[in-house]
């Protein structure tokens, strides 16, 4: 399980939920980013629609979110290529609540399995 130090969330044309994963040394993080742009998705091929996923440690092109289990302590993410278990117990509750709202917006078409506990 990896510890998340903080999160960054955006809710504009781009919907973004980003986890800053601790890398051991103070201030050293790795970003895990979920991103969707519903406003422009109709312009894309169906295979390019949905929530894209990026991890600084694995830059596979075209990795997409399949499922996310989201609680105030643990987040489990499954993509096409990887699975992650994140400890978010130290993250500010306001950031977690904002992420929940954005994840619901991202899943307007049930593109992935979303479970919020």
N, C-alpha and C. Protein backbone atom coordinates (compact mmCIF):
# COMPACT_ATOMS: atom_id res chain seq x y z
N UNK A 1 0.85 -1.17 0.00
CA UNK A 1 0.00 0.00 0.00
C UNK A 1 0.89 1.24 0.00
N UNK A 2 0.51 2.20 -0.82
CA UNK A 2 1.29 3.43 -0.93
C UNK A 2 0.57 4.58 -0.22
N UNK A 3 1.35 5.42 0.46
CA UNK A 3 0.77 6.54 1.21
C UNK A 3 0.65 7.78 0.34
N UNK A 4 -0.54 8.40 0.39
CA UNK A 4 -0.79 9.64 -0.34
C UNK A 4 -0.60 10.80 0.62
N UNK A 5 0.27 11.76 0.24
CA UNK A 5 0.52 12.93 1.08
C UNK A 5 -0.56 13.99 0.93
N UNK A 6 -1.01 14.19 -0.32
CA UNK A 6 -2.07 15.17 -0.57
C UNK A 6 -2.68 14.88 -1.93
N UNK A 7 -3.78 15.57 -2.20
CA UNK A 7 -4.47 15.42 -3.48
C UNK A 7 -4.67 16.78 -4.11
N UNK A 8 -4.77 16.79 -5.44
CA UNK A 8 -5.13 18.00 -6.18
C UNK A 8 -6.32 17.62 -7.05
N UNK A 9 -7.38 18.41 -6.97
CA UNK A 9 -8.60 18.14 -7.72
C UNK A 9 -9.00 19.37 -8.51
N UNK A 10 -9.51 19.14 -9.73
CA UNK A 10 -9.98 20.24 -10.57
C UNK A 10 -11.31 19.85 -11.19
N UNK A 11 -12.20 20.84 -11.25
CA UNK A 11 -13.52 20.61 -11.83
C UNK A 11 -13.87 21.78 -12.75
N UNK A 12 -13.29 21.77 -13.95
CA UNK A 12 -13.58 22.77 -14.97
C UNK A 12 -13.90 22.02 -16.25
N UNK A 13 -13.36 22.49 -17.38
CA UNK A 13 -13.50 21.72 -18.61
C UNK A 13 -12.85 20.35 -18.45
N UNK A 14 -11.71 20.32 -17.76
CA UNK A 14 -11.06 19.06 -17.41
C UNK A 14 -11.47 18.68 -16.00
N UNK A 15 -11.84 17.42 -15.82
CA UNK A 15 -12.09 16.88 -14.49
C UNK A 15 -10.85 16.09 -14.10
N UNK A 16 -10.22 16.48 -12.99
CA UNK A 16 -8.95 15.87 -12.61
C UNK A 16 -8.96 15.51 -11.13
N UNK A 17 -8.54 14.28 -10.83
CA UNK A 17 -8.27 13.84 -9.47
C UNK A 17 -6.84 13.32 -9.49
N UNK A 18 -5.98 13.94 -8.68
CA UNK A 18 -4.56 13.61 -8.69
C UNK A 18 -4.11 13.25 -7.28
N UNK A 19 -3.39 12.14 -7.16
CA UNK A 19 -2.87 11.66 -5.89
C UNK A 19 -1.36 11.88 -5.87
N UNK A 20 -0.85 12.54 -4.83
CA UNK A 20 0.59 12.72 -4.64
C UNK A 20 1.08 11.61 -3.71
N UNK A 21 1.72 10.61 -4.29
CA UNK A 21 2.15 9.43 -3.55
C UNK A 21 3.56 9.65 -3.00
N UNK A 22 3.71 9.43 -1.70
CA UNK A 22 4.99 9.60 -1.02
C UNK A 22 6.02 8.62 -1.58
N UNK A 23 7.25 9.13 -1.76
CA UNK A 23 8.34 8.30 -2.28
C UNK A 23 9.44 8.08 -1.24
N UNK A 24 9.14 8.33 0.02
CA UNK A 24 10.11 8.06 1.07
C UNK A 24 10.83 9.28 1.57
N UNK A 25 11.48 10.00 0.68
CA UNK A 25 12.20 11.22 1.07
C UNK A 25 11.21 12.38 1.21
N UNK A 26 11.43 13.27 2.18
CA UNK A 26 10.54 14.43 2.33
C UNK A 26 10.45 15.25 1.04
N UNK A 27 9.23 15.53 0.63
CA UNK A 27 9.00 16.33 -0.57
C UNK A 27 9.07 15.56 -1.87
N UNK A 28 9.46 14.29 -1.80
CA UNK A 28 9.54 13.47 -3.00
C UNK A 28 8.21 12.76 -3.21
N UNK A 29 7.56 13.05 -4.36
CA UNK A 29 6.27 12.43 -4.64
C UNK A 29 6.23 11.88 -6.07
N UNK A 30 5.27 11.02 -6.30
CA UNK A 30 4.95 10.51 -7.63
C UNK A 30 3.47 10.79 -7.84
N UNK A 31 3.11 11.34 -8.98
CA UNK A 31 1.72 11.69 -9.24
C UNK A 31 0.99 10.57 -9.97
N UNK A 32 -0.21 10.26 -9.47
CA UNK A 32 -1.15 9.38 -10.15
C UNK A 32 -2.33 10.27 -10.53
N UNK A 33 -2.66 10.33 -11.82
CA UNK A 33 -3.63 11.31 -12.29
C UNK A 33 -4.76 10.65 -13.06
N UNK A 34 -6.00 10.95 -12.63
CA UNK A 34 -7.21 10.57 -13.35
C UNK A 34 -7.72 11.82 -14.03
N UNK A 35 -8.01 11.73 -15.34
CA UNK A 35 -8.44 12.93 -16.07
C UNK A 35 -9.50 12.57 -17.10
N UNK A 36 -10.50 13.44 -17.19
CA UNK A 36 -11.55 13.30 -18.20
C UNK A 36 -12.00 14.68 -18.65
N UNK A 37 -12.28 14.81 -19.94
CA UNK A 37 -12.74 16.09 -20.50
C UNK A 37 -14.06 15.84 -21.24
N UNK A 38 -15.17 15.74 -20.50
CA UNK A 38 -16.45 15.41 -21.12
C UNK A 38 -16.90 16.41 -22.18
N UNK A 39 -16.52 17.65 -22.02
CA UNK A 39 -16.95 18.71 -22.94
C UNK A 39 -16.53 18.41 -24.38
N UNK A 40 -15.38 17.77 -24.55
CA UNK A 40 -14.84 17.54 -25.89
C UNK A 40 -14.82 16.07 -26.30
N UNK A 41 -15.34 15.18 -25.46
CA UNK A 41 -15.26 13.75 -25.77
C UNK A 41 -16.00 13.37 -27.04
N UNK A 42 -17.06 14.08 -27.37
CA UNK A 42 -17.83 13.72 -28.56
C UNK A 42 -16.98 13.82 -29.83
N UNK A 43 -15.88 14.57 -29.76
CA UNK A 43 -14.98 14.70 -30.91
C UNK A 43 -14.05 13.49 -31.06
N UNK A 44 -13.94 12.70 -30.01
CA UNK A 44 -13.00 11.58 -29.98
C UNK A 44 -13.64 10.28 -30.46
N UNK A 45 -12.79 9.38 -30.93
CA UNK A 45 -13.22 8.03 -31.23
C UNK A 45 -13.68 7.37 -29.93
N UNK A 46 -14.63 6.45 -30.00
CA UNK A 46 -15.16 5.80 -28.79
C UNK A 46 -14.06 5.14 -27.96
N UNK A 47 -13.03 4.64 -28.62
CA UNK A 47 -11.94 3.98 -27.89
C UNK A 47 -11.09 4.96 -27.09
N UNK A 48 -11.23 6.26 -27.35
CA UNK A 48 -10.45 7.28 -26.65
C UNK A 48 -11.28 8.04 -25.62
N UNK A 49 -12.50 7.60 -25.38
CA UNK A 49 -13.36 8.26 -24.41
C UNK A 49 -13.25 7.57 -23.06
N UNK A 50 -13.48 8.32 -22.00
CA UNK A 50 -13.43 7.77 -20.66
C UNK A 50 -12.40 8.50 -19.83
N UNK A 51 -12.04 7.89 -18.71
CA UNK A 51 -11.09 8.50 -17.78
C UNK A 51 -9.69 7.97 -18.07
N UNK A 52 -8.81 8.86 -18.49
CA UNK A 52 -7.43 8.45 -18.73
C UNK A 52 -6.68 8.42 -17.39
N UNK A 53 -5.67 7.58 -17.35
CA UNK A 53 -4.89 7.41 -16.13
C UNK A 53 -3.42 7.54 -16.47
N UNK A 54 -2.69 8.29 -15.65
CA UNK A 54 -1.24 8.36 -15.84
C UNK A 54 -0.54 8.21 -14.50
N UNK A 55 0.61 7.57 -14.56
CA UNK A 55 1.47 7.33 -13.40
C UNK A 55 2.88 7.67 -13.85
N UNK A 56 3.54 8.53 -13.11
CA UNK A 56 4.91 8.93 -13.48
C UNK A 56 5.86 7.75 -13.58
N UNK A 57 5.56 6.66 -12.88
CA UNK A 57 6.44 5.49 -12.91
C UNK A 57 6.16 4.59 -14.11
N UNK A 58 4.98 4.70 -14.70
CA UNK A 58 4.57 3.85 -15.83
C UNK A 58 3.88 4.73 -16.85
N UNK A 59 4.56 5.08 -17.91
CA UNK A 59 3.99 6.01 -18.89
C UNK A 59 3.35 5.30 -20.07
N UNK A 60 2.69 4.16 -19.83
CA UNK A 60 2.02 3.47 -20.93
C UNK A 60 1.03 4.42 -21.59
N UNK A 61 1.05 4.41 -22.89
CA UNK A 61 0.11 5.24 -23.63
C UNK A 61 -1.27 4.57 -23.61
N UNK A 62 -2.30 5.36 -23.38
CA UNK A 62 -3.65 4.84 -23.46
C UNK A 62 -4.08 3.99 -22.29
N UNK A 63 -3.64 4.29 -21.09
CA UNK A 63 -4.11 3.56 -19.91
C UNK A 63 -5.40 4.21 -19.44
N UNK A 64 -6.40 3.38 -19.18
CA UNK A 64 -7.74 3.88 -18.85
C UNK A 64 -8.23 3.29 -17.54
N UNK A 65 -8.98 4.09 -16.81
CA UNK A 65 -9.55 3.65 -15.54
C UNK A 65 -10.63 2.62 -15.79
N UNK A 66 -10.57 1.51 -15.03
CA UNK A 66 -11.61 0.48 -15.09
C UNK A 66 -12.50 0.53 -13.85
N UNK A 67 -11.87 0.70 -12.67
CA UNK A 67 -12.67 0.77 -11.45
C UNK A 67 -11.92 1.51 -10.36
N UNK A 68 -12.71 2.05 -9.43
CA UNK A 68 -12.13 2.71 -8.27
C UNK A 68 -13.04 2.49 -7.08
N UNK A 69 -12.46 2.03 -5.98
CA UNK A 69 -13.14 1.93 -4.68
C UNK A 69 -12.57 3.04 -3.84
N UNK A 70 -13.44 3.92 -3.37
CA UNK A 70 -13.00 5.15 -2.73
C UNK A 70 -13.59 5.26 -1.33
N UNK A 71 -12.72 5.32 -0.33
CA UNK A 71 -13.17 5.56 1.04
C UNK A 71 -12.28 6.63 1.65
N UNK A 72 -12.57 7.00 2.86
CA UNK A 72 -11.79 8.05 3.52
C UNK A 72 -10.44 7.55 4.01
N UNK A 73 -10.23 6.23 3.97
CA UNK A 73 -8.96 5.65 4.41
C UNK A 73 -8.16 5.02 3.28
N UNK A 74 -8.86 4.28 2.41
CA UNK A 74 -8.20 3.50 1.37
C UNK A 74 -8.86 3.77 0.02
N UNK A 75 -8.02 3.90 -1.01
CA UNK A 75 -8.52 4.00 -2.39
C UNK A 75 -7.87 2.88 -3.18
N UNK A 76 -8.70 2.11 -3.88
CA UNK A 76 -8.20 1.06 -4.77
C UNK A 76 -8.53 1.45 -6.20
N UNK A 77 -7.52 1.45 -7.04
CA UNK A 77 -7.67 1.85 -8.44
C UNK A 77 -7.24 0.68 -9.32
N UNK A 78 -8.08 0.38 -10.31
CA UNK A 78 -7.72 -0.63 -11.31
C UNK A 78 -7.78 0.04 -12.68
N UNK A 79 -6.67 -0.05 -13.41
CA UNK A 79 -6.61 0.48 -14.77
C UNK A 79 -6.45 -0.71 -15.72
N UNK A 80 -6.33 -0.43 -17.00
CA UNK A 80 -6.10 -1.51 -17.95
C UNK A 80 -4.80 -2.25 -17.69
N UNK A 81 -3.80 -1.55 -17.13
CA UNK A 81 -2.47 -2.14 -16.99
C UNK A 81 -2.00 -2.37 -15.55
N UNK A 82 -2.61 -1.70 -14.57
CA UNK A 82 -2.09 -1.77 -13.20
C UNK A 82 -3.20 -1.72 -12.17
N UNK A 83 -2.83 -2.09 -10.94
CA UNK A 83 -3.71 -1.95 -9.78
C UNK A 83 -2.93 -1.23 -8.69
N UNK A 84 -3.62 -0.37 -7.96
CA UNK A 84 -3.01 0.43 -6.91
C UNK A 84 -3.88 0.37 -5.66
N UNK A 85 -3.24 0.32 -4.50
CA UNK A 85 -3.92 0.47 -3.23
C UNK A 85 -3.25 1.63 -2.52
N UNK A 86 -4.05 2.66 -2.23
CA UNK A 86 -3.52 3.91 -1.68
C UNK A 86 -4.07 4.18 -0.30
N UNK A 87 -3.19 4.57 0.61
CA UNK A 87 -3.59 5.00 1.95
C UNK A 87 -3.82 6.50 1.91
N UNK A 88 -5.09 6.91 1.99
CA UNK A 88 -5.43 8.34 1.95
C UNK A 88 -5.87 8.85 3.31
N UNK A 89 -5.58 8.10 4.37
CA UNK A 89 -6.03 8.47 5.71
C UNK A 89 -5.44 9.79 6.19
N UNK A 90 -4.30 10.21 5.65
CA UNK A 90 -3.67 11.47 6.05
C UNK A 90 -4.07 12.66 5.19
N UNK A 91 -4.93 12.43 4.20
CA UNK A 91 -5.35 13.50 3.29
C UNK A 91 -6.49 14.30 3.92
N UNK A 92 -6.48 15.60 3.70
CA UNK A 92 -7.52 16.49 4.21
C UNK A 92 -8.90 16.01 3.75
N UNK A 93 -9.85 15.95 4.67
CA UNK A 93 -11.20 15.47 4.38
C UNK A 93 -11.86 16.29 3.28
N UNK A 94 -11.60 17.59 3.23
CA UNK A 94 -12.19 18.43 2.18
C UNK A 94 -11.71 18.01 0.79
N UNK A 95 -10.43 17.64 0.69
CA UNK A 95 -9.90 17.16 -0.59
C UNK A 95 -10.57 15.85 -1.00
N UNK A 96 -10.78 14.97 -0.02
CA UNK A 96 -11.43 13.69 -0.30
C UNK A 96 -12.88 13.90 -0.75
N UNK A 97 -13.60 14.79 -0.09
CA UNK A 97 -14.99 15.07 -0.48
C UNK A 97 -15.06 15.67 -1.88
N UNK A 98 -14.14 16.57 -2.18
CA UNK A 98 -14.10 17.17 -3.51
C UNK A 98 -13.80 16.10 -4.56
N UNK A 99 -12.88 15.20 -4.26
CA UNK A 99 -12.55 14.11 -5.18
C UNK A 99 -13.77 13.21 -5.42
N UNK A 100 -14.54 12.93 -4.38
CA UNK A 100 -15.76 12.13 -4.54
C UNK A 100 -16.71 12.78 -5.53
N UNK A 101 -16.93 14.08 -5.39
CA UNK A 101 -17.83 14.80 -6.29
C UNK A 101 -17.32 14.75 -7.74
N UNK A 102 -16.03 14.93 -7.91
CA UNK A 102 -15.46 14.92 -9.26
C UNK A 102 -15.54 13.52 -9.86
N UNK A 103 -15.29 12.49 -9.07
CA UNK A 103 -15.39 11.12 -9.58
C UNK A 103 -16.81 10.81 -10.05
N UNK A 104 -17.80 11.29 -9.32
CA UNK A 104 -19.20 11.09 -9.75
C UNK A 104 -19.45 11.79 -11.09
N UNK A 105 -18.90 13.00 -11.25
CA UNK A 105 -19.04 13.71 -12.53
C UNK A 105 -18.34 12.95 -13.65
N UNK A 106 -17.15 12.42 -13.36
CA UNK A 106 -16.40 11.67 -14.36
C UNK A 106 -17.17 10.45 -14.84
N UNK A 107 -17.99 9.90 -13.97
CA UNK A 107 -18.68 8.65 -14.27
C UNK A 107 -20.13 8.88 -14.73
N UNK A 108 -20.40 10.00 -15.37
CA UNK A 108 -21.75 10.34 -15.82
C UNK A 108 -22.35 9.29 -16.75
N UNK A 109 -21.51 8.53 -17.43
CA UNK A 109 -21.98 7.53 -18.39
C UNK A 109 -21.63 6.10 -17.96
N UNK A 110 -21.29 5.92 -16.68
CA UNK A 110 -20.90 4.61 -16.15
C UNK A 110 -19.74 4.00 -16.92
N UNK A 111 -18.77 4.82 -17.28
CA UNK A 111 -17.61 4.36 -18.05
C UNK A 111 -16.69 3.45 -17.23
N UNK A 112 -16.77 3.54 -15.90
CA UNK A 112 -15.95 2.71 -15.02
C UNK A 112 -16.78 2.33 -13.81
N UNK A 113 -16.31 1.35 -13.06
CA UNK A 113 -17.00 0.95 -11.84
C UNK A 113 -16.57 1.88 -10.71
N UNK A 114 -17.54 2.54 -10.10
CA UNK A 114 -17.27 3.48 -9.02
C UNK A 114 -17.98 3.00 -7.77
N UNK A 115 -17.20 2.83 -6.71
CA UNK A 115 -17.77 2.44 -5.42
C UNK A 115 -17.23 3.40 -4.38
N UNK A 116 -18.13 4.19 -3.80
CA UNK A 116 -17.73 5.13 -2.74
C UNK A 116 -18.31 4.63 -1.43
N UNK A 117 -17.43 4.40 -0.47
CA UNK A 117 -17.83 3.84 0.83
C UNK A 117 -17.87 4.95 1.85
